[in-house]
Amino acid sequence: MIAVTAVAGLTMVAGCKKDDVQEQREDVAEARQEAAQETAEARQDEGQELAAARQDANEEIGAAQRDSNEDIAEARQDANEKIAAANEDVRDEEKDLAEAQANRNEDLNEDLATGGSGMVGATAAATTINGRVLSKSGDTLTVVDSNNRELKIKTNDKTALLDNGSRAVKMDDIKEGSQVRASYVMDGKDMVARDVTLVAAVKKLDK
């Protein structure tokens, strides 16, 4: 009887131990499941935070690039405007220079030719001809040169009238048929004499 009771007691103890082990296993499994869930949630949160951080970083990079591109565009626009203004200044200076040169050339031409007062420029290139006086009209001599060209030579108060010995003569001393040497410059379309030299006596005109 005592033996049976002892066996029964051992059986009950063994059954209680099995129940405790099962509970412990269940607790461990539950703890593992909770730990795995918490780990997954933590990883999910971490992934979301990392994604948000990446998005923020990308947005900041994009904003910085846009700002940089805008700054570059503004700098290029400013540079182009400055270049355009500089080119305009160059064109204005070239225009002013061209006008100044044109005015200078006009002044030089006026100095070289007869001005409003009838004076012949001293620096104008003169042409010298030899010929015979065909006719006179006022202050103009019509001279036939060695090439049989009829040239109308105008004189004024600045024209030197000389004989062959470099003595001064008057316009009346130069007759039709006289042999003369004349140096003239162009005043527009007019031939204006600087000097007229009476070379030879009057010869009778051929009829």
N, C-alpha and C. Protein backbone atom coordinates (compact mmCIF):
# COMPACT_ATOMS: atom_id res chain seq x y z
N MET A 1 0.82 -1.19 0.00
CA MET A 1 0.00 0.00 0.00
C MET A 1 0.85 1.24 0.00
N ILE A 2 1.82 1.25 0.84
CA ILE A 2 2.75 2.39 0.91
C ILE A 2 3.46 2.54 -0.41
N ALA A 3 3.82 1.47 -1.02
CA ALA A 3 4.54 1.50 -2.31
C ALA A 3 3.68 2.09 -3.37
N VAL A 4 2.42 1.73 -3.37
CA VAL A 4 1.50 2.27 -4.39
C VAL A 4 1.35 3.75 -4.20
N THR A 5 1.23 4.14 -2.96
CA THR A 5 1.08 5.57 -2.67
C THR A 5 2.32 6.34 -3.12
N ALA A 6 3.48 5.76 -2.91
CA ALA A 6 4.73 6.43 -3.32
C ALA A 6 4.82 6.57 -4.81
N VAL A 7 4.40 5.55 -5.51
CA VAL A 7 4.43 5.60 -6.99
C VAL A 7 3.47 6.65 -7.49
N ALA A 8 2.33 6.70 -6.85
CA ALA A 8 1.35 7.69 -7.26
C ALA A 8 1.88 9.10 -7.02
N GLY A 9 2.56 9.23 -5.89
CA GLY A 9 3.13 10.57 -5.60
C GLY A 9 4.17 10.96 -6.61
N LEU A 10 5.01 10.03 -6.99
CA LEU A 10 6.04 10.32 -7.99
C LEU A 10 5.42 10.67 -9.33
N THR A 11 4.33 9.97 -9.61
CA THR A 11 3.67 10.24 -10.89
C THR A 11 3.10 11.65 -10.92
N MET A 12 2.55 12.08 -9.82
CA MET A 12 1.99 13.42 -9.74
C MET A 12 3.10 14.48 -9.86
N VAL A 13 4.21 14.17 -9.19
CA VAL A 13 5.34 15.12 -9.26
C VAL A 13 5.86 15.24 -10.67
N ALA A 14 5.96 14.10 -11.31
CA ALA A 14 6.45 14.12 -12.71
C ALA A 14 5.50 14.88 -13.59
N GLY A 15 4.20 14.68 -13.33
CA GLY A 15 3.22 15.41 -14.16
C GLY A 15 3.33 16.91 -13.94
N CYS A 16 3.54 17.32 -12.73
CA CYS A 16 3.69 18.78 -12.46
C CYS A 16 4.92 19.35 -13.14
N LYS A 17 5.99 18.58 -13.11
CA LYS A 17 7.23 19.05 -13.77
C LYS A 17 7.04 19.20 -15.26
N LYS A 18 6.28 18.25 -15.86
CA LYS A 18 6.02 18.34 -17.30
C LYS A 18 5.22 19.59 -17.60
N ASP A 19 4.23 19.86 -16.75
CA ASP A 19 3.43 21.08 -16.97
C ASP A 19 4.29 22.32 -16.87
N ASP A 20 5.21 22.34 -15.90
CA ASP A 20 6.10 23.52 -15.76
C ASP A 20 6.99 23.69 -16.98
N VAL A 21 7.52 22.61 -17.49
CA VAL A 21 8.40 22.68 -18.68
C VAL A 21 7.64 23.19 -19.88
N GLN A 22 6.39 22.70 -20.00
CA GLN A 22 5.57 23.13 -21.13
C GLN A 22 5.29 24.63 -21.06
N GLU A 23 4.99 25.07 -19.85
CA GLU A 23 4.72 26.49 -19.66
C GLU A 23 5.96 27.32 -19.98
N GLN A 24 7.11 26.83 -19.54
CA GLN A 24 8.35 27.55 -19.80
C GLN A 24 8.62 27.63 -21.30
N ARG A 25 8.37 26.50 -21.97
CA ARG A 25 8.56 26.49 -23.43
C ARG A 25 7.63 27.50 -24.12
N GLU A 26 6.39 27.51 -23.64
CA GLU A 26 5.44 28.45 -24.21
C GLU A 26 5.86 29.89 -23.92
N ASP A 27 6.37 30.10 -22.70
CA ASP A 27 6.83 31.46 -22.36
C ASP A 27 8.01 31.87 -23.26
N VAL A 28 8.94 30.93 -23.45
CA VAL A 28 10.09 31.22 -24.31
C VAL A 28 9.65 31.52 -25.74
N ALA A 29 8.71 30.69 -26.23
CA ALA A 29 8.22 30.89 -27.60
C ALA A 29 7.53 32.24 -27.73
N GLU A 30 6.73 32.55 -26.71
CA GLU A 30 6.04 33.85 -26.73
C GLU A 30 7.03 35.01 -26.68
N ALA A 31 8.05 34.82 -25.82
CA ALA A 31 9.07 35.87 -25.71
C ALA A 31 9.81 36.05 -27.03
N ARG A 32 10.10 34.90 -27.64
CA ARG A 32 10.78 34.98 -28.94
C ARG A 32 9.91 35.68 -29.99
N GLN A 33 8.61 35.31 -29.97
CA GLN A 33 7.70 35.93 -30.93
C GLN A 33 7.61 37.43 -30.70
N GLU A 34 7.52 37.82 -29.42
CA GLU A 34 7.45 39.24 -29.09
C GLU A 34 8.74 39.95 -29.51
N ALA A 35 9.88 39.28 -29.24
CA ALA A 35 11.17 39.89 -29.61
C ALA A 35 11.28 40.04 -31.13
N ALA A 36 10.82 39.00 -31.85
CA ALA A 36 10.87 39.08 -33.31
C ALA A 36 9.96 40.19 -33.83
N GLN A 37 8.77 40.31 -33.22
CA GLN A 37 7.85 41.36 -33.65
C GLN A 37 8.42 42.73 -33.36
N GLU A 38 8.99 42.87 -32.14
CA GLU A 38 9.59 44.16 -31.79
C GLU A 38 10.76 44.49 -32.73
N THR A 39 11.56 43.43 -33.04
CA THR A 39 12.69 43.65 -33.97
C THR A 39 12.19 44.08 -35.34
N ALA A 40 11.11 43.43 -35.81
CA ALA A 40 10.55 43.80 -37.12
C ALA A 40 10.02 45.22 -37.12
N GLU A 41 9.30 45.56 -36.02
CA GLU A 41 8.78 46.92 -35.91
C GLU A 41 9.91 47.94 -35.86
N ALA A 42 10.95 47.57 -35.09
CA ALA A 42 12.09 48.50 -34.99
C ALA A 42 12.77 48.68 -36.35
N ARG A 43 12.91 47.56 -37.08
CA ARG A 43 13.50 47.65 -38.41
C ARG A 43 12.62 48.46 -39.37
N GLN A 44 11.30 48.24 -39.22
CA GLN A 44 10.38 49.00 -40.07
C GLN A 44 10.48 50.50 -39.76
N ASP A 45 10.48 50.81 -38.46
CA ASP A 45 10.61 52.23 -38.07
C ASP A 45 11.94 52.80 -38.57
N GLU A 46 12.99 52.00 -38.40
CA GLU A 46 14.31 52.46 -38.85
C GLU A 46 14.32 52.67 -40.36
N GLY A 47 13.68 51.73 -41.10
CA GLY A 47 13.61 51.88 -42.55
C GLY A 47 12.83 53.11 -42.95
N GLN A 48 11.73 53.34 -42.25
CA GLN A 48 10.93 54.53 -42.56
C GLN A 48 11.71 55.81 -42.27
N GLU A 49 12.40 55.82 -41.13
CA GLU A 49 13.21 57.00 -40.78
C GLU A 49 14.33 57.21 -41.79
N LEU A 50 14.96 56.07 -42.20
CA LEU A 50 16.02 56.17 -43.19
C LEU A 50 15.48 56.68 -44.52
N ALA A 51 14.31 56.18 -44.92
CA ALA A 51 13.70 56.64 -46.17
C ALA A 51 13.35 58.12 -46.08
N ALA A 52 12.80 58.52 -44.92
CA ALA A 52 12.46 59.93 -44.74
C ALA A 52 13.72 60.80 -44.78
N ALA A 53 14.79 60.29 -44.15
CA ALA A 53 16.04 61.05 -44.16
C ALA A 53 16.59 61.17 -45.59
N ARG A 54 16.50 60.07 -46.33
CA ARG A 54 16.96 60.10 -47.72
C ARG A 54 16.12 61.07 -48.56
N GLN A 55 14.82 61.04 -48.33
CA GLN A 55 13.95 61.96 -49.07
C GLN A 55 14.27 63.41 -48.74
N ASP A 56 14.46 63.67 -47.43
CA ASP A 56 14.83 65.04 -47.03
C ASP A 56 16.14 65.45 -47.68
N ALA A 57 17.11 64.50 -47.67
CA ALA A 57 18.41 64.81 -48.26
C ALA A 57 18.28 65.07 -49.76
N ASN A 58 17.48 64.24 -50.42
CA ASN A 58 17.28 64.43 -51.87
C ASN A 58 16.59 65.76 -52.16
N GLU A 59 15.61 66.09 -51.33
CA GLU A 59 14.92 67.37 -51.51
C GLU A 59 15.88 68.54 -51.31
N GLU A 60 16.72 68.41 -50.28
CA GLU A 60 17.70 69.48 -50.03
C GLU A 60 18.69 69.57 -51.18
N ILE A 61 19.14 68.41 -51.68
CA ILE A 61 20.07 68.42 -52.82
C ILE A 61 19.40 69.04 -54.04
N GLY A 62 18.13 68.64 -54.29
CA GLY A 62 17.40 69.21 -55.43
C GLY A 62 17.23 70.71 -55.30
N ALA A 63 16.88 71.17 -54.10
CA ALA A 63 16.73 72.60 -53.88
C ALA A 63 18.05 73.33 -54.09
N ALA A 64 19.12 72.71 -53.57
CA ALA A 64 20.44 73.33 -53.74
C ALA A 64 20.82 73.40 -55.22
N GLN A 65 20.53 72.32 -55.97
CA GLN A 65 20.83 72.33 -57.40
C GLN A 65 20.01 73.37 -58.14
N ARG A 66 18.71 73.47 -57.77
CA ARG A 66 17.88 74.50 -58.40
C ARG A 66 18.40 75.89 -58.11
N ASP A 67 18.76 76.10 -56.83
CA ASP A 67 19.33 77.41 -56.47
C ASP A 67 20.62 77.67 -57.24
N SER A 68 21.45 76.62 -57.34
CA SER A 68 22.71 76.78 -58.07
C SER A 68 22.46 77.08 -59.54
N ASN A 69 21.50 76.35 -60.14
CA ASN A 69 21.18 76.60 -61.55
C ASN A 69 20.62 78.01 -61.75
N GLU A 70 19.79 78.46 -60.81
CA GLU A 70 19.25 79.82 -60.91
C GLU A 70 20.37 80.84 -60.79
N ASP A 71 21.29 80.59 -59.85
CA ASP A 71 22.42 81.51 -59.70
C ASP A 71 23.28 81.55 -60.97
N ILE A 72 23.50 80.35 -61.56
CA ILE A 72 24.30 80.30 -62.79
C ILE A 72 23.59 81.03 -63.92
N ALA A 73 22.25 80.81 -64.02
CA ALA A 73 21.48 81.49 -65.07
C ALA A 73 21.52 83.00 -64.89
N GLU A 74 21.37 83.46 -63.65
CA GLU A 74 21.43 84.90 -63.39
C GLU A 74 22.82 85.46 -63.71
N ALA A 75 23.86 84.69 -63.33
CA ALA A 75 25.22 85.15 -63.62
C ALA A 75 25.45 85.23 -65.13
N ARG A 76 24.95 84.23 -65.87
CA ARG A 76 25.11 84.25 -67.32
C ARG A 76 24.34 85.41 -67.94
N GLN A 77 23.13 85.64 -67.43
CA GLN A 77 22.34 86.75 -67.95
C GLN A 77 23.03 88.09 -67.69
N ASP A 78 23.55 88.24 -66.47
CA ASP A 78 24.29 89.47 -66.15
C ASP A 78 25.50 89.63 -67.07
N ALA A 79 26.22 88.51 -67.28
CA ALA A 79 27.41 88.57 -68.14
C ALA A 79 27.02 88.93 -69.58
N ASN A 80 25.93 88.33 -70.06
CA ASN A 80 25.48 88.63 -71.42
C ASN A 80 25.04 90.08 -71.56
N GLU A 81 24.37 90.59 -70.53
CA GLU A 81 23.95 92.00 -70.56
C GLU A 81 25.17 92.92 -70.56
N LYS A 82 26.17 92.57 -69.76
CA LYS A 82 27.38 93.40 -69.73
C LYS A 82 28.10 93.34 -71.08
N ILE A 83 28.15 92.14 -71.68
CA ILE A 83 28.79 91.99 -73.00
C ILE A 83 28.03 92.81 -74.04
N ALA A 84 26.70 92.73 -74.00
CA ALA A 84 25.89 93.49 -74.96
C ALA A 84 26.11 94.99 -74.77
N ALA A 85 26.17 95.44 -73.52
CA ALA A 85 26.41 96.86 -73.26
C ALA A 85 27.80 97.27 -73.74
N ALA A 86 28.79 96.40 -73.51
CA ALA A 86 30.15 96.71 -73.97
C ALA A 86 30.20 96.78 -75.49
N ASN A 87 29.51 95.84 -76.16
CA ASN A 87 29.47 95.88 -77.62
C ASN A 87 28.79 97.14 -78.13
N GLU A 88 27.74 97.54 -77.44
CA GLU A 88 27.05 98.78 -77.82
C GLU A 88 27.97 99.98 -77.66
N ASP A 89 28.73 99.99 -76.56
CA ASP A 89 29.69 101.08 -76.36
C ASP A 89 30.74 101.08 -77.47
N VAL A 90 31.20 99.88 -77.85
CA VAL A 90 32.20 99.79 -78.93
C VAL A 90 31.62 100.33 -80.23
N ARG A 91 30.37 99.93 -80.53
CA ARG A 91 29.74 100.43 -81.76
C ARG A 91 29.58 101.94 -81.72
N ASP A 92 29.20 102.48 -80.56
CA ASP A 92 29.07 103.94 -80.45
C ASP A 92 30.43 104.62 -80.66
N GLU A 93 31.47 104.04 -80.06
CA GLU A 93 32.80 104.63 -80.21
C GLU A 93 33.27 104.54 -81.66
N GLU A 94 32.99 103.41 -82.32
CA GLU A 94 33.37 103.27 -83.72
C GLU A 94 32.61 104.28 -84.58
N LYS A 95 31.32 104.47 -84.26
CA LYS A 95 30.53 105.43 -85.00
C LYS A 95 31.08 106.85 -84.80
N ASP A 96 31.39 107.17 -83.53
CA ASP A 96 31.95 108.50 -83.25
C ASP A 96 33.29 108.68 -83.96
N LEU A 97 34.11 107.61 -83.96
CA LEU A 97 35.40 107.68 -84.63
C LEU A 97 35.23 107.89 -86.13
N ALA A 98 34.27 107.14 -86.71
CA ALA A 98 34.03 107.29 -88.15
C ALA A 98 33.55 108.72 -88.47
N GLU A 99 32.67 109.25 -87.63
CA GLU A 99 32.19 110.62 -87.86
C GLU A 99 33.34 111.62 -87.71
N ALA A 100 34.18 111.39 -86.69
CA ALA A 100 35.31 112.30 -86.49
C ALA A 100 36.27 112.24 -87.68
N GLN A 101 36.53 111.03 -88.19
CA GLN A 101 37.41 110.90 -89.34
C GLN A 101 36.80 111.55 -90.58
N ALA A 102 35.47 111.36 -90.74
CA ALA A 102 34.81 111.99 -91.88
C ALA A 102 34.89 113.51 -91.79
N ASN A 103 34.65 114.03 -90.58
CA ASN A 103 34.74 115.48 -90.40
C ASN A 103 36.17 115.97 -90.63
N ARG A 104 37.13 115.17 -90.17
CA ARG A 104 38.53 115.56 -90.36
C ARG A 104 38.88 115.57 -91.85
N ASN A 105 38.39 114.54 -92.57
CA ASN A 105 38.66 114.50 -94.00
C ASN A 105 38.02 115.67 -94.72
N GLU A 106 36.80 116.02 -94.28
CA GLU A 106 36.14 117.18 -94.89
C GLU A 106 36.93 118.46 -94.62
N ASP A 107 37.38 118.60 -93.36
CA ASP A 107 38.18 119.78 -93.03
C ASP A 107 39.48 119.80 -93.83
N LEU A 108 40.09 118.61 -93.97
CA LEU A 108 41.34 118.55 -94.73
C LEU A 108 41.11 118.90 -96.19
N ASN A 109 40.01 118.38 -96.74
CA ASN A 109 39.70 118.71 -98.13
C ASN A 109 39.44 120.20 -98.31
N GLU A 110 38.77 120.79 -97.31
CA GLU A 110 38.53 122.23 -97.38
C GLU A 110 39.83 123.01 -97.29
N ASP A 111 40.77 122.49 -96.46
CA ASP A 111 42.06 123.16 -96.35
C ASP A 111 42.87 123.02 -97.64
N LEU A 112 42.72 121.85 -98.29
CA LEU A 112 43.49 121.62 -99.50
C LEU A 112 42.89 122.34 -100.70
N ALA A 113 41.62 122.57 -100.68
CA ALA A 113 40.96 123.22 -101.81
C ALA A 113 40.63 124.66 -101.48
N THR A 114 40.02 125.35 -102.42
CA THR A 114 39.63 126.76 -102.20
C THR A 114 38.45 126.81 -101.26
N GLY A 115 38.56 127.64 -100.25
CA GLY A 115 37.48 127.79 -99.30
C GLY A 115 36.50 128.84 -99.76
N GLY A 116 35.61 129.28 -98.85
CA GLY A 116 34.60 130.27 -99.20
C GLY A 116 35.19 131.60 -99.59
N SER A 117 36.40 131.89 -99.10
CA SER A 117 37.02 133.17 -99.42
C SER A 117 37.80 133.11 -100.73
N GLY A 118 37.86 131.92 -101.37
CA GLY A 118 38.58 131.82 -102.64
C GLY A 118 40.05 131.53 -102.46
N MET A 119 40.50 131.21 -101.24
CA MET A 119 41.92 130.93 -101.03
C MET A 119 42.20 129.48 -101.35
N VAL A 120 43.31 129.22 -102.02
CA VAL A 120 43.73 127.88 -102.38
C VAL A 120 44.62 127.32 -101.28
N GLY A 121 44.35 126.09 -100.82
CA GLY A 121 45.16 125.49 -99.75
C GLY A 121 46.61 125.35 -100.19
N ALA A 122 47.51 125.73 -99.27
CA ALA A 122 48.92 125.74 -99.62
C ALA A 122 49.47 124.32 -99.77
N THR A 123 48.80 123.34 -99.14
CA THR A 123 49.34 121.98 -99.18
C THR A 123 48.74 121.14 -100.29
N ALA A 124 47.82 121.73 -101.12
CA ALA A 124 47.20 120.96 -102.19
C ALA A 124 48.23 120.63 -103.27
N ALA A 125 48.12 119.43 -103.86
CA ALA A 125 49.03 119.04 -104.93
C ALA A 125 48.68 119.81 -106.20
N ALA A 126 49.67 120.46 -106.78
CA ALA A 126 49.45 121.31 -107.95
C ALA A 126 49.83 120.56 -109.22
N THR A 127 49.14 120.90 -110.31
CA THR A 127 49.45 120.37 -111.64
C THR A 127 49.95 121.53 -112.50
N THR A 128 51.04 121.30 -113.24
CA THR A 128 51.63 122.35 -114.08
C THR A 128 51.42 121.99 -115.56
N ILE A 129 50.99 123.00 -116.31
CA ILE A 129 50.80 122.80 -117.75
C ILE A 129 51.51 123.92 -118.50
N ASN A 130 51.86 123.63 -119.75
CA ASN A 130 52.39 124.63 -120.67
C ASN A 130 51.43 124.72 -121.86
N GLY A 131 51.11 125.94 -122.27
CA GLY A 131 50.19 126.07 -123.38
C GLY A 131 50.07 127.49 -123.88
N ARG A 132 49.08 127.65 -124.75
CA ARG A 132 48.83 128.96 -125.38
C ARG A 132 47.46 129.44 -124.95
N VAL A 133 47.40 130.74 -124.62
CA VAL A 133 46.13 131.33 -124.20
C VAL A 133 45.23 131.45 -125.42
N LEU A 134 44.09 130.76 -125.36
CA LEU A 134 43.14 130.81 -126.47
C LEU A 134 42.18 131.98 -126.30
N SER A 135 41.79 132.23 -125.04
CA SER A 135 40.88 133.34 -124.80
C SER A 135 40.93 133.73 -123.33
N LYS A 136 40.38 134.91 -123.01
CA LYS A 136 40.26 135.38 -121.65
C LYS A 136 38.82 135.80 -121.42
N SER A 137 38.33 135.53 -120.20
CA SER A 137 36.99 135.97 -119.82
C SER A 137 37.00 136.27 -118.34
N GLY A 138 37.09 137.58 -118.03
CA GLY A 138 37.17 137.97 -116.62
C GLY A 138 38.45 137.47 -116.01
N ASP A 139 38.34 136.60 -114.96
CA ASP A 139 39.52 136.06 -114.29
C ASP A 139 39.84 134.65 -114.76
N THR A 140 39.26 134.24 -115.90
CA THR A 140 39.46 132.88 -116.41
C THR A 140 40.23 132.91 -117.72
N LEU A 141 41.25 132.06 -117.81
CA LEU A 141 42.04 131.88 -119.02
C LEU A 141 41.69 130.53 -119.64
N THR A 142 41.42 130.52 -120.93
CA THR A 142 41.26 129.26 -121.65
C THR A 142 42.58 128.97 -122.34
N VAL A 143 43.22 127.88 -121.93
CA VAL A 143 44.57 127.55 -122.40
C VAL A 143 44.51 126.23 -123.17
N VAL A 144 45.20 126.20 -124.32
CA VAL A 144 45.36 124.97 -125.08
C VAL A 144 46.73 124.41 -124.74
N ASP A 145 46.75 123.19 -124.16
CA ASP A 145 48.04 122.64 -123.74
C ASP A 145 48.69 121.86 -124.87
N SER A 146 49.80 121.20 -124.60
CA SER A 146 50.58 120.50 -125.63
C SER A 146 49.83 119.30 -126.20
N ASN A 147 48.78 118.87 -125.50
CA ASN A 147 47.97 117.75 -126.00
C ASN A 147 46.68 118.23 -126.67
N ASN A 148 46.66 119.56 -126.99
CA ASN A 148 45.50 120.17 -127.64
C ASN A 148 44.22 120.08 -126.79
N ARG A 149 44.39 120.04 -125.48
CA ARG A 149 43.23 120.09 -124.59
C ARG A 149 42.96 121.55 -124.22
N GLU A 150 41.69 121.92 -124.23
CA GLU A 150 41.32 123.27 -123.79
C GLU A 150 40.99 123.22 -122.30
N LEU A 151 41.77 123.95 -121.52
CA LEU A 151 41.60 123.98 -120.08
C LEU A 151 41.22 125.37 -119.64
N LYS A 152 40.19 125.46 -118.81
CA LYS A 152 39.76 126.75 -118.27
C LYS A 152 40.41 126.93 -116.90
N ILE A 153 41.37 127.85 -116.83
CA ILE A 153 42.12 128.10 -115.61
C ILE A 153 41.60 129.38 -114.96
N LYS A 154 41.11 129.26 -113.74
CA LYS A 154 40.61 130.43 -113.02
C LYS A 154 41.73 131.05 -112.18
N THR A 155 41.70 132.35 -112.06
CA THR A 155 42.65 133.06 -111.20
C THR A 155 41.87 133.81 -110.13
N ASN A 156 42.58 134.15 -109.05
CA ASN A 156 41.98 134.97 -108.00
C ASN A 156 43.05 135.89 -107.44
N ASP A 157 42.74 136.58 -106.35
CA ASP A 157 43.69 137.54 -105.82
C ASP A 157 44.91 136.88 -105.18
N LYS A 158 44.87 135.55 -105.03
CA LYS A 158 46.02 134.82 -104.49
C LYS A 158 46.90 134.22 -105.59
N THR A 159 46.47 134.32 -106.84
CA THR A 159 47.25 133.77 -107.95
C THR A 159 48.42 134.70 -108.27
N ALA A 160 49.62 134.12 -108.33
CA ALA A 160 50.83 134.89 -108.68
C ALA A 160 50.94 134.98 -110.21
N LEU A 161 50.93 136.21 -110.76
CA LEU A 161 51.10 136.46 -112.20
C LEU A 161 52.50 136.98 -112.42
N LEU A 162 53.33 136.23 -113.17
CA LEU A 162 54.74 136.55 -113.33
C LEU A 162 55.13 136.49 -114.81
N ASP A 163 56.24 137.19 -115.12
CA ASP A 163 56.80 136.99 -116.45
C ASP A 163 57.90 135.94 -116.35
N ASN A 164 58.61 135.72 -117.44
CA ASN A 164 59.61 134.66 -117.45
C ASN A 164 60.81 134.97 -116.57
N GLY A 165 60.91 136.21 -116.14
CA GLY A 165 61.99 136.60 -115.24
C GLY A 165 61.53 136.73 -113.83
N SER A 166 60.37 136.13 -113.54
CA SER A 166 59.79 136.11 -112.19
C SER A 166 59.40 137.49 -111.71
N ARG A 167 59.13 138.41 -112.66
CA ARG A 167 58.64 139.73 -112.29
C ARG A 167 57.12 139.73 -112.37
N ALA A 168 56.50 140.47 -111.49
CA ALA A 168 55.05 140.50 -111.44
C ALA A 168 54.48 141.19 -112.68
N VAL A 169 53.42 140.62 -113.19
CA VAL A 169 52.70 141.22 -114.31
C VAL A 169 51.23 141.29 -113.92
N LYS A 170 50.46 141.93 -114.79
CA LYS A 170 49.03 142.07 -114.57
C LYS A 170 48.27 141.15 -115.52
N MET A 171 47.01 140.92 -115.18
CA MET A 171 46.16 140.08 -116.04
C MET A 171 46.06 140.66 -117.43
N ASP A 172 46.07 141.99 -117.52
CA ASP A 172 45.96 142.63 -118.83
C ASP A 172 47.18 142.35 -119.69
N ASP A 173 48.33 142.01 -119.06
CA ASP A 173 49.55 141.74 -119.83
C ASP A 173 49.50 140.38 -120.53
N ILE A 174 48.61 139.55 -120.08
CA ILE A 174 48.49 138.21 -120.68
C ILE A 174 47.43 138.30 -121.77
N LYS A 175 47.89 138.25 -123.00
CA LYS A 175 47.01 138.42 -124.15
C LYS A 175 46.65 137.06 -124.73
N GLU A 176 45.62 137.07 -125.58
CA GLU A 176 45.29 135.87 -126.34
C GLU A 176 46.45 135.53 -127.26
N GLY A 177 46.87 134.28 -127.24
CA GLY A 177 48.01 133.86 -128.03
C GLY A 177 49.30 133.80 -127.25
N SER A 178 49.31 134.31 -126.01
CA SER A 178 50.53 134.27 -125.19
C SER A 178 50.84 132.82 -124.78
N GLN A 179 52.13 132.53 -124.72
CA GLN A 179 52.59 131.24 -124.21
C GLN A 179 52.73 131.36 -122.69
N VAL A 180 52.07 130.46 -121.98
CA VAL A 180 52.08 130.55 -120.51
C VAL A 180 52.40 129.17 -119.91
N ARG A 181 52.83 129.26 -118.67
CA ARG A 181 52.99 128.05 -117.83
C ARG A 181 52.16 128.29 -116.58
N ALA A 182 51.24 127.39 -116.30
CA ALA A 182 50.32 127.58 -115.17
C ALA A 182 50.35 126.38 -114.24
N SER A 183 50.36 126.66 -112.95
CA SER A 183 50.24 125.63 -111.92
C SER A 183 48.89 125.82 -111.25
N TYR A 184 48.11 124.75 -111.18
CA TYR A 184 46.75 124.88 -110.63
C TYR A 184 46.44 123.71 -109.71
N VAL A 185 45.42 123.94 -108.87
CA VAL A 185 44.87 122.87 -108.03
C VAL A 185 43.38 122.80 -108.28
N MET A 186 42.80 121.67 -107.96
CA MET A 186 41.38 121.49 -108.17
C MET A 186 40.60 122.01 -106.96
N ASP A 187 39.58 122.81 -107.25
CA ASP A 187 38.64 123.28 -106.24
C ASP A 187 37.26 122.80 -106.69
N GLY A 188 36.90 121.61 -106.23
CA GLY A 188 35.70 121.00 -106.77
C GLY A 188 35.94 120.63 -108.22
N LYS A 189 35.17 121.23 -109.14
CA LYS A 189 35.36 120.98 -110.57
C LYS A 189 36.18 122.09 -111.23
N ASP A 190 36.56 123.09 -110.48
CA ASP A 190 37.29 124.23 -111.03
C ASP A 190 38.80 124.02 -110.91
N MET A 191 39.54 124.51 -111.93
CA MET A 191 41.00 124.54 -111.90
C MET A 191 41.41 125.95 -111.47
N VAL A 192 41.95 126.07 -110.27
CA VAL A 192 42.29 127.39 -109.72
C VAL A 192 43.82 127.53 -109.75
N ALA A 193 44.28 128.60 -110.42
CA ALA A 193 45.72 128.78 -110.61
C ALA A 193 46.38 129.30 -109.35
N ARG A 194 47.52 128.67 -109.00
CA ARG A 194 48.39 129.24 -107.97
C ARG A 194 49.28 130.31 -108.58
N ASP A 195 49.78 129.98 -109.76
CA ASP A 195 50.63 130.96 -110.44
C ASP A 195 50.50 130.76 -111.95
N VAL A 196 50.67 131.87 -112.68
CA VAL A 196 50.68 131.85 -114.14
C VAL A 196 51.91 132.63 -114.59
N THR A 197 52.74 131.98 -115.37
CA THR A 197 53.98 132.62 -115.84
C THR A 197 53.86 132.90 -117.35
N LEU A 198 54.08 134.16 -117.71
CA LEU A 198 54.07 134.57 -119.12
C LEU A 198 55.43 134.19 -119.72
N VAL A 199 55.43 133.15 -120.55
CA VAL A 199 56.67 132.57 -121.05
C VAL A 199 57.17 133.30 -122.30
N ALA A 200 56.29 133.57 -123.24
CA ALA A 200 56.72 134.14 -124.54
C ALA A 200 55.76 135.24 -124.96
N ALA A 201 56.24 136.07 -125.87
CA ALA A 201 55.43 137.20 -126.37
C ALA A 201 54.21 136.67 -127.10
N VAL A 202 53.30 137.56 -127.33
CA VAL A 202 52.06 137.19 -127.99
C VAL A 202 52.34 136.80 -129.41
N LYS A 203 51.73 135.66 -129.80
CA LYS A 203 51.83 135.24 -131.18
C LYS A 203 50.48 135.42 -131.84
N LYS A 204 50.53 135.70 -133.10
CA LYS A 204 49.29 135.93 -133.84
C LYS A 204 48.54 134.62 -133.94
N LEU A 205 47.26 134.66 -133.67
CA LEU A 205 46.44 133.46 -133.71
C LEU A 205 46.25 133.01 -135.15
N ASP A 206 46.26 131.71 -135.38
CA ASP A 206 45.96 131.17 -136.69
C ASP A 206 44.50 131.35 -137.00
N LYS A 207 44.19 131.76 -138.25
CA LYS A 207 42.80 131.95 -138.66
C LYS A 207 42.32 130.70 -139.40
